[in-house]
Amino acid sequence: MELKTNFEFDKYGIGVEDIKTEAEQLLKQGNETQERKANRFPVEVFPLPVQQVITGIVEIFYTYYSIHSYVIPMYRRCFLQLVS
């Protein structure tokens, strides 16, 4: 199969092997990125009591974060409106 384009690859010293090498490098780079994003320690690999502790800690963190990010600023704004 031959690739037909208007671009003159030979003029710029780009060969078939260069394209294949570049494609392989990009695929490898994409796979490495995907591996880094994967959770290497899913909760399911731990015994049930440890899973429950992890889940509880995560819930506490998100509750704390939600209160400090949304609820407290909202009450602060309401209080300031009442005072002024």
PDB file of N, CA and C in Angstrom:
ATOM      1  N   MET A   1       0.842  -1.175   0.000  1.00  0.00           N
ATOM      2  CA  MET A   1       0.000   0.000   0.000  1.00  0.00           C
ATOM      3  C   MET A   1       0.885   1.235   0.000  1.00  0.00           C
ATOM      4  N   GLU A   2       0.562   2.137  -0.858  1.00  0.00           N
ATOM      5  CA  GLU A   2       1.372   3.342  -0.986  1.00  0.00           C
ATOM      6  C   GLU A   2       0.549   4.548  -0.553  1.00  0.00           C
ATOM      7  N   LEU A   3       1.184   5.430   0.191  1.00  0.00           N
ATOM      8  CA  LEU A   3       0.535   6.640   0.660  1.00  0.00           C
ATOM      9  C   LEU A   3       0.739   7.736  -0.376  1.00  0.00           C
ATOM     10  N   LYS A   4      -0.352   8.298  -0.861  1.00  0.00           N
ATOM     11  CA  LYS A   4      -0.254   9.362  -1.855  1.00  0.00           C
ATOM     12  C   LYS A   4      -0.707  10.672  -1.232  1.00  0.00           C
ATOM     13  N   THR A   5       0.230  11.607  -1.133  1.00  0.00           N
ATOM     14  CA  THR A   5      -0.084  12.931  -0.591  1.00  0.00           C
ATOM     15  C   THR A   5       0.580  13.988  -1.438  1.00  0.00           C
ATOM     16  N   ASN A   6       0.218  15.224  -1.187  1.00  0.00           N
ATOM     17  CA  ASN A   6       0.848  16.340  -1.885  1.00  0.00           C
ATOM     18  C   ASN A   6       2.167  16.743  -1.230  1.00  0.00           C
ATOM     19  N   PHE A   7       2.404  16.255  -0.027  1.00  0.00           N
ATOM     20  CA  PHE A   7       3.620  16.597   0.704  1.00  0.00           C
ATOM     21  C   PHE A   7       4.783  15.773   0.174  1.00  0.00           C
ATOM     22  N   GLU A   8       5.910  16.410  -0.041  1.00  0.00           N
ATOM     23  CA  GLU A   8       7.102  15.729  -0.561  1.00  0.00           C
ATOM     24  C   GLU A   8       7.988  15.285   0.604  1.00  0.00           C
ATOM     25  N   PHE A   9       7.754  14.070   1.068  1.00  0.00           N
ATOM     26  CA  PHE A   9       8.509  13.557   2.207  1.00  0.00           C
ATOM     27  C   PHE A   9      10.003  13.463   1.902  1.00  0.00           C
ATOM     28  N   ASP A  10      10.334  13.009   0.702  1.00  0.00           N
ATOM     29  CA  ASP A  10      11.741  12.844   0.333  1.00  0.00           C
ATOM     30  C   ASP A  10      12.489  14.164   0.335  1.00  0.00           C
ATOM     31  N   LYS A  11      11.798  15.225  -0.025  1.00  0.00           N
ATOM     32  CA  LYS A  11      12.419  16.547  -0.080  1.00  0.00           C
ATOM     33  C   LYS A  11      12.940  16.968   1.298  1.00  0.00           C
ATOM     34  N   TYR A  12      12.256  16.536   2.351  1.00  0.00           N
ATOM     35  CA  TYR A  12      12.633  16.918   3.702  1.00  0.00           C
ATOM     36  C   TYR A  12      13.317  15.786   4.466  1.00  0.00           C
ATOM     37  N   GLY A  13      13.611  14.712   3.805  1.00  0.00           N
ATOM     38  CA  GLY A  13      14.337  13.609   4.418  1.00  0.00           C
ATOM     39  C   GLY A  13      13.500  12.785   5.378  1.00  0.00           C
ATOM     40  N   ILE A  14      12.211  12.714   5.120  1.00  0.00           N
ATOM     41  CA  ILE A  14      11.322  11.925   5.970  1.00  0.00           C
ATOM     42  C   ILE A  14      11.017  10.626   5.256  1.00  0.00           C
ATOM     43  N   GLY A  15      11.449   9.524   5.858  1.00  0.00           N
ATOM     44  CA  GLY A  15      11.225   8.222   5.254  1.00  0.00           C
ATOM     45  C   GLY A  15      10.123   7.453   5.965  1.00  0.00           C
ATOM     46  N   VAL A  16       9.781   6.305   5.415  1.00  0.00           N
ATOM     47  CA  VAL A  16       8.739   5.456   5.987  1.00  0.00           C
ATOM     48  C   VAL A  16       9.116   5.012   7.397  1.00  0.00           C
ATOM     49  N   GLU A  17      10.384   4.671   7.583  1.00  0.00           N
ATOM     50  CA  GLU A  17      10.838   4.239   8.908  1.00  0.00           C
ATOM     51  C   GLU A  17      10.712   5.357   9.936  1.00  0.00           C
ATOM     52  N   ASP A  18      10.953   6.596   9.508  1.00  0.00           N
ATOM     53  CA  ASP A  18      10.815   7.731  10.421  1.00  0.00           C
ATOM     54  C   ASP A  18       9.366   7.866  10.901  1.00  0.00           C
ATOM     55  N   ILE A  19       8.440   7.687   9.978  1.00  0.00           N
ATOM     56  CA  ILE A  19       7.024   7.785  10.325  1.00  0.00           C
ATOM     57  C   ILE A  19       6.624   6.644  11.255  1.00  0.00           C
ATOM     58  N   LYS A  20       7.081   5.431  10.958  1.00  0.00           N
ATOM     59  CA  LYS A  20       6.770   4.292  11.816  1.00  0.00           C
ATOM     60  C   LYS A  20       7.346   4.476  13.213  1.00  0.00           C
ATOM     61  N   THR A  21       8.575   4.954  13.285  1.00  0.00           N
ATOM     62  CA  THR A  21       9.226   5.182  14.576  1.00  0.00           C
ATOM     63  C   THR A  21       8.463   6.227  15.379  1.00  0.00           C
ATOM     64  N   GLU A  22       8.073   7.303  14.726  1.00  0.00           N
ATOM     65  CA  GLU A  22       7.323   8.366  15.402  1.00  0.00           C
ATOM     66  C   GLU A  22       5.976   7.844  15.897  1.00  0.00           C
ATOM     67  N   ALA A  23       5.299   7.046  15.072  1.00  0.00           N
ATOM     68  CA  ALA A  23       4.009   6.480  15.467  1.00  0.00           C
ATOM     69  C   ALA A  23       4.173   5.557  16.673  1.00  0.00           C
ATOM     70  N   GLU A  24       5.214   4.733  16.678  1.00  0.00           N
ATOM     71  CA  GLU A  24       5.469   3.843  17.806  1.00  0.00           C
ATOM     72  C   GLU A  24       5.761   4.618  19.081  1.00  0.00           C
ATOM     73  N   GLN A  25       6.535   5.696  18.966  1.00  0.00           N
ATOM     74  CA  GLN A  25       6.853   6.512  20.129  1.00  0.00           C
ATOM     75  C   GLN A  25       5.595   7.163  20.691  1.00  0.00           C
ATOM     76  N   LEU A  26       4.731   7.653  19.805  1.00  0.00           N
ATOM     77  CA  LEU A  26       3.495   8.285  20.263  1.00  0.00           C
ATOM     78  C   LEU A  26       2.565   7.274  20.928  1.00  0.00           C
ATOM     79  N   LEU A  27       2.480   6.071  20.370  1.00  0.00           N
ATOM     80  CA  LEU A  27       1.670   5.023  20.990  1.00  0.00           C
ATOM     81  C   LEU A  27       2.217   4.653  22.369  1.00  0.00           C
ATOM     82  N   LYS A  28       3.534   4.522  22.461  1.00  0.00           N
ATOM     83  CA  LYS A  28       4.172   4.183  23.733  1.00  0.00           C
ATOM     84  C   LYS A  28       3.913   5.285  24.761  1.00  0.00           C
ATOM     85  N   GLN A  29       4.028   6.529  24.333  1.00  0.00           N
ATOM     86  CA  GLN A  29       3.799   7.668  25.213  1.00  0.00           C
ATOM     87  C   GLN A  29       2.343   7.686  25.698  1.00  0.00           C
ATOM     88  N   GLY A  30       1.404   7.404  24.793  1.00  0.00           N
ATOM     89  CA  GLY A  30      -0.005   7.346  25.182  1.00  0.00           C
ATOM     90  C   GLY A  30      -0.284   6.226  26.161  1.00  0.00           C
ATOM     91  N   ASN A  31       0.337   5.063  25.947  1.00  0.00           N
ATOM     92  CA  ASN A  31       0.154   3.937  26.865  1.00  0.00           C
ATOM     93  C   ASN A  31       0.727   4.241  28.242  1.00  0.00           C
ATOM     94  N   GLU A  32       1.875   4.895  28.289  1.00  0.00           N
ATOM     95  CA  GLU A  32       2.478   5.251  29.569  1.00  0.00           C
ATOM     96  C   GLU A  32       1.592   6.240  30.322  1.00  0.00           C
ATOM     97  N   THR A  33       1.017   7.187  29.602  1.00  0.00           N
ATOM     98  CA  THR A  33       0.116   8.148  30.226  1.00  0.00           C
ATOM     99  C   THR A  33      -1.096   7.439  30.799  1.00  0.00           C
ATOM    100  N   GLN A  34      -1.645   6.501  30.040  1.00  0.00           N
ATOM    101  CA  GLN A  34      -2.815   5.739  30.497  1.00  0.00           C
ATOM    102  C   GLN A  34      -2.479   4.923  31.741  1.00  0.00           C
ATOM    103  N   GLU A  35      -1.282   4.326  31.777  1.00  0.00           N
ATOM    104  CA  GLU A  35      -0.871   3.538  32.935  1.00  0.00           C
ATOM    105  C   GLU A  35      -0.714   4.411  34.175  1.00  0.00           C
ATOM    106  N   ARG A  36      -0.201   5.634  33.993  1.00  0.00           N
ATOM    107  CA  ARG A  36      -0.031   6.527  35.131  1.00  0.00           C
ATOM    108  C   ARG A  36      -1.375   6.957  35.708  1.00  0.00           C
ATOM    109  N   LYS A  37      -2.384   7.074  34.848  1.00  0.00           N
ATOM    110  CA  LYS A  37      -3.703   7.489  35.315  1.00  0.00           C
ATOM    111  C   LYS A  37      -4.449   6.362  36.011  1.00  0.00           C
ATOM    112  N   ALA A  38      -4.083   5.136  35.741  1.00  0.00           N
ATOM    113  CA  ALA A  38      -4.786   3.995  36.322  1.00  0.00           C
ATOM    114  C   ALA A  38      -4.546   3.939  37.826  1.00  0.00           C
ATOM    115  N   ASN A  39      -5.567   3.534  38.555  1.00  0.00           N
ATOM    116  CA  ASN A  39      -5.450   3.376  40.008  1.00  0.00           C
ATOM    117  C   ASN A  39      -4.743   2.055  40.285  1.00  0.00           C
ATOM    118  N   ARG A  40      -3.542   2.122  40.777  1.00  0.00           N
ATOM    119  CA  ARG A  40      -2.760   0.906  41.006  1.00  0.00           C
ATOM    120  C   ARG A  40      -3.158   0.190  42.280  1.00  0.00           C
ATOM    121  N   PHE A  41      -3.871   0.881  43.154  1.00  0.00           N
ATOM    122  CA  PHE A  41      -4.292   0.283  44.418  1.00  0.00           C
ATOM    123  C   PHE A  41      -5.799   0.438  44.592  1.00  0.00           C
ATOM    124  N   PRO A  42      -6.584  -0.276  43.800  1.00  0.00           N
ATOM    125  CA  PRO A  42      -8.032  -0.167  43.967  1.00  0.00           C
ATOM    126  C   PRO A  42      -8.444  -0.710  45.337  1.00  0.00           C
ATOM    127  N   VAL A  43      -9.477  -0.126  45.873  1.00  0.00           N
ATOM    128  CA  VAL A  43      -9.925  -0.503  47.215  1.00  0.00           C
ATOM    129  C   VAL A  43     -10.275  -1.984  47.280  1.00  0.00           C
ATOM    130  N   GLU A  44     -10.751  -2.545  46.187  1.00  0.00           N
ATOM    131  CA  GLU A  44     -11.226  -3.924  46.173  1.00  0.00           C
ATOM    132  C   GLU A  44     -10.138  -4.949  46.501  1.00  0.00           C
ATOM    133  N   VAL A  45      -8.864  -4.600  46.401  1.00  0.00           N
ATOM    134  CA  VAL A  45      -7.798  -5.573  46.670  1.00  0.00           C
ATOM    135  C   VAL A  45      -7.553  -5.761  48.168  1.00  0.00           C
ATOM    136  N   PHE A  46      -8.090  -4.858  48.995  1.00  0.00           N
ATOM    137  CA  PHE A  46      -7.877  -4.938  50.436  1.00  0.00           C
ATOM    138  C   PHE A  46      -8.987  -5.756  51.096  1.00  0.00           C
ATOM    139  N   PRO A  47      -8.722  -6.290  52.283  1.00  0.00           N
ATOM    140  CA  PRO A  47      -9.775  -6.995  53.033  1.00  0.00           C
ATOM    141  C   PRO A  47     -10.938  -6.031  53.350  1.00  0.00           C
ATOM    142  N   LEU A  48     -12.118  -6.577  53.581  1.00  0.00           N
ATOM    143  CA  LEU A  48     -13.333  -5.779  53.791  1.00  0.00           C
ATOM    144  C   LEU A  48     -13.184  -4.726  54.893  1.00  0.00           C
ATOM    145  N   PRO A  49     -12.612  -5.039  56.074  1.00  0.00           N
ATOM    146  CA  PRO A  49     -12.484  -3.989  57.105  1.00  0.00           C
ATOM    147  C   PRO A  49     -11.628  -2.806  56.626  1.00  0.00           C
ATOM    148  N   VAL A  50     -10.587  -3.084  55.878  1.00  0.00           N
ATOM    149  CA  VAL A  50      -9.728  -2.012  55.369  1.00  0.00           C
ATOM    150  C   VAL A  50     -10.490  -1.199  54.315  1.00  0.00           C
ATOM    151  N   GLN A  51     -11.281  -1.872  53.483  1.00  0.00           N
ATOM    152  CA  GLN A  51     -12.107  -1.171  52.489  1.00  0.00           C
ATOM    153  C   GLN A  51     -13.053  -0.195  53.179  1.00  0.00           C
ATOM    154  N   GLN A  52     -13.655  -0.643  54.276  1.00  0.00           N
ATOM    155  CA  GLN A  52     -14.598   0.210  54.997  1.00  0.00           C
ATOM    156  C   GLN A  52     -13.905   1.419  55.613  1.00  0.00           C
ATOM    157  N   VAL A  53     -12.704   1.226  56.122  1.00  0.00           N
ATOM    158  CA  VAL A  53     -11.942   2.348  56.687  1.00  0.00           C
ATOM    159  C   VAL A  53     -11.596   3.350  55.592  1.00  0.00           C
ATOM    160  N   ILE A  54     -11.123   2.864  54.465  1.00  0.00           N
ATOM    161  CA  ILE A  54     -10.759   3.758  53.354  1.00  0.00           C
ATOM    162  C   ILE A  54     -11.982   4.532  52.884  1.00  0.00           C
ATOM    163  N   THR A  55     -13.091   3.837  52.693  1.00  0.00           N
ATOM    164  CA  THR A  55     -14.320   4.495  52.243  1.00  0.00           C
ATOM    165  C   THR A  55     -14.770   5.541  53.249  1.00  0.00           C
ATOM    166  N   GLY A  56     -14.691   5.235  54.539  1.00  0.00           N
ATOM    167  CA  GLY A  56     -15.069   6.194  55.565  1.00  0.00           C
ATOM    168  C   GLY A  56     -14.195   7.431  55.555  1.00  0.00           C
ATOM    169  N   ILE A  57     -12.903   7.238  55.402  1.00  0.00           N
ATOM    170  CA  ILE A  57     -11.974   8.377  55.359  1.00  0.00           C
ATOM    171  C   ILE A  57     -12.275   9.260  54.153  1.00  0.00           C
ATOM    172  N   VAL A  58     -12.529   8.648  53.018  1.00  0.00           N
ATOM    173  CA  VAL A  58     -12.844   9.420  51.808  1.00  0.00           C
ATOM    174  C   VAL A  58     -14.138  10.213  52.006  1.00  0.00           C
ATOM    175  N   GLU A  59     -15.155   9.576  52.606  1.00  0.00           N
ATOM    176  CA  GLU A  59     -16.416  10.277  52.855  1.00  0.00           C
ATOM    177  C   GLU A  59     -16.219  11.448  53.807  1.00  0.00           C
ATOM    178  N   ILE A  60     -15.431  11.247  54.852  1.00  0.00           N
ATOM    179  CA  ILE A  60     -15.157  12.330  55.804  1.00  0.00           C
ATOM    180  C   ILE A  60     -14.435  13.474  55.100  1.00  0.00           C
ATOM    181  N   PHE A  61     -13.446  13.141  54.270  1.00  0.00           N
ATOM    182  CA  PHE A  61     -12.702  14.179  53.563  1.00  0.00           C
ATOM    183  C   PHE A  61     -13.631  15.000  52.675  1.00  0.00           C
ATOM    184  N   TYR A  62     -14.492  14.323  51.902  1.00  0.00           N
ATOM    185  CA  TYR A  62     -15.386  15.053  50.994  1.00  0.00           C
ATOM    186  C   TYR A  62     -16.419  15.862  51.754  1.00  0.00           C
ATOM    187  N   THR A  63     -16.892  15.351  52.893  1.00  0.00           N
ATOM    188  CA  THR A  63     -17.830  16.121  53.704  1.00  0.00           C
ATOM    189  C   THR A  63     -17.144  17.369  54.239  1.00  0.00           C
ATOM    190  N   TYR A  64     -15.952  17.212  54.780  1.00  0.00           N
ATOM    191  CA  TYR A  64     -15.184  18.344  55.302  1.00  0.00           C
ATOM    192  C   TYR A  64     -14.919  19.359  54.193  1.00  0.00           C
ATOM    193  N   TYR A  65     -14.505  18.859  53.031  1.00  0.00           N
ATOM    194  CA  TYR A  65     -14.216  19.745  51.899  1.00  0.00           C
ATOM    195  C   TYR A  65     -15.466  20.489  51.471  1.00  0.00           C
ATOM    196  N   SER A  66     -16.600  19.788  51.398  1.00  0.00           N
ATOM    197  CA  SER A  66     -17.847  20.420  50.978  1.00  0.00           C
ATOM    198  C   SER A  66     -18.264  21.509  51.952  1.00  0.00           C
ATOM    199  N   ILE A  67     -18.158  21.216  53.241  1.00  0.00           N
ATOM    200  CA  ILE A  67     -18.552  22.205  54.250  1.00  0.00           C
ATOM    201  C   ILE A  67     -17.677  23.436  54.146  1.00  0.00           C
ATOM    202  N   HIS A  68     -16.380  23.245  54.049  1.00  0.00           N
ATOM    203  CA  HIS A  68     -15.467  24.390  54.018  1.00  0.00           C
ATOM    204  C   HIS A  68     -15.468  25.120  52.686  1.00  0.00           C
ATOM    205  N   SER A  69     -15.841  24.447  51.614  1.00  0.00           N
ATOM    206  CA  SER A  69     -15.817  25.089  50.304  1.00  0.00           C
ATOM    207  C   SER A  69     -17.127  25.769  49.941  1.00  0.00           C
ATOM    208  N   TYR A  70     -18.241  25.220  50.449  1.00  0.00           N
ATOM    209  CA  TYR A  70     -19.543  25.718  50.004  1.00  0.00           C
ATOM    210  C   TYR A  70     -20.403  26.265  51.141  1.00  0.00           C
ATOM    211  N   VAL A  71     -20.543  25.482  52.203  1.00  0.00           N
ATOM    212  CA  VAL A  71     -21.482  25.850  53.250  1.00  0.00           C
ATOM    213  C   VAL A  71     -20.994  27.063  54.044  1.00  0.00           C
ATOM    214  N   ILE A  72     -19.774  27.026  54.531  1.00  0.00           N
ATOM    215  CA  ILE A  72     -19.257  28.138  55.340  1.00  0.00           C
ATOM    216  C   ILE A  72     -19.233  29.442  54.558  1.00  0.00           C
ATOM    217  N   PRO A  73     -18.744  29.478  53.313  1.00  0.00           N
ATOM    218  CA  PRO A  73     -18.807  30.742  52.572  1.00  0.00           C
ATOM    219  C   PRO A  73     -20.243  31.242  52.375  1.00  0.00           C
ATOM    220  N   MET A  74     -21.202  30.326  52.186  1.00  0.00           N
ATOM    221  CA  MET A  74     -22.588  30.729  52.007  1.00  0.00           C
ATOM    222  C   MET A  74     -23.116  31.382  53.286  1.00  0.00           C
ATOM    223  N   TYR A  75     -22.857  30.755  54.450  1.00  0.00           N
ATOM    224  CA  TYR A  75     -23.292  31.340  55.714  1.00  0.00           C
ATOM    225  C   TYR A  75     -22.580  32.665  55.974  1.00  0.00           C
ATOM    226  N   ARG A  76     -21.337  32.741  55.595  1.00  0.00           N
ATOM    227  CA  ARG A  76     -20.586  33.980  55.780  1.00  0.00           C
ATOM    228  C   ARG A  76     -21.224  35.109  54.979  1.00  0.00           C
ATOM    229  N   ARG A  77     -21.603  34.822  53.719  1.00  0.00           N
ATOM    230  CA  ARG A  77     -22.249  35.843  52.881  1.00  0.00           C
ATOM    231  C   ARG A  77     -23.592  36.259  53.472  1.00  0.00           C
ATOM    232  N   CYS A  78     -24.372  35.277  53.946  1.00  0.00           N
ATOM    233  CA  CYS A  78     -25.671  35.598  54.549  1.00  0.00           C
ATOM    234  C   CYS A  78     -25.496  36.457  55.785  1.00  0.00           C
ATOM    235  N   PHE A  79     -24.526  36.111  56.622  1.00  0.00           N
ATOM    236  CA  PHE A  79     -24.260  36.882  57.840  1.00  0.00           C
ATOM    237  C   PHE A  79     -23.862  38.305  57.488  1.00  0.00           C
ATOM    238  N   LEU A  80     -22.987  38.450  56.506  1.00  0.00           N
ATOM    239  CA  LEU A  80     -22.548  39.796  56.113  1.00  0.00           C
ATOM    240  C   LEU A  80     -23.701  40.614  55.555  1.00  0.00           C
ATOM    241  N   GLN A  81     -24.636  39.980  54.848  1.00  0.00           N
ATOM    242  CA  GLN A  81     -25.792  40.696  54.330  1.00  0.00           C
ATOM    243  C   GLN A  81     -26.700  41.143  55.474  1.00  0.00           C
ATOM    244  N   LEU A  82     -26.842  40.300  56.496  1.00  0.00           N
ATOM    245  CA  LEU A  82     -27.673  40.665  57.639  1.00  0.00           C
ATOM    246  C   LEU A  82     -27.055  41.806  58.431  1.00  0.00           C
ATOM    247  N   VAL A  83     -25.744  41.795  58.563  1.00  0.00           N
ATOM    248  CA  VAL A  83     -25.060  42.800  59.365  1.00  0.00           C
ATOM    249  C   VAL A  83     -25.047  44.148  58.649  1.00  0.00           C
ATOM    250  N   SER A  84     -24.903  44.137  57.336  1.00  0.00           N
ATOM    251  CA  SER A  84     -24.777  45.426  56.634  1.00  0.00           C
ATOM    252  C   SER A  84     -26.096  46.034  56.258  1.00  0.00           C
TER     253      SER A  84
END
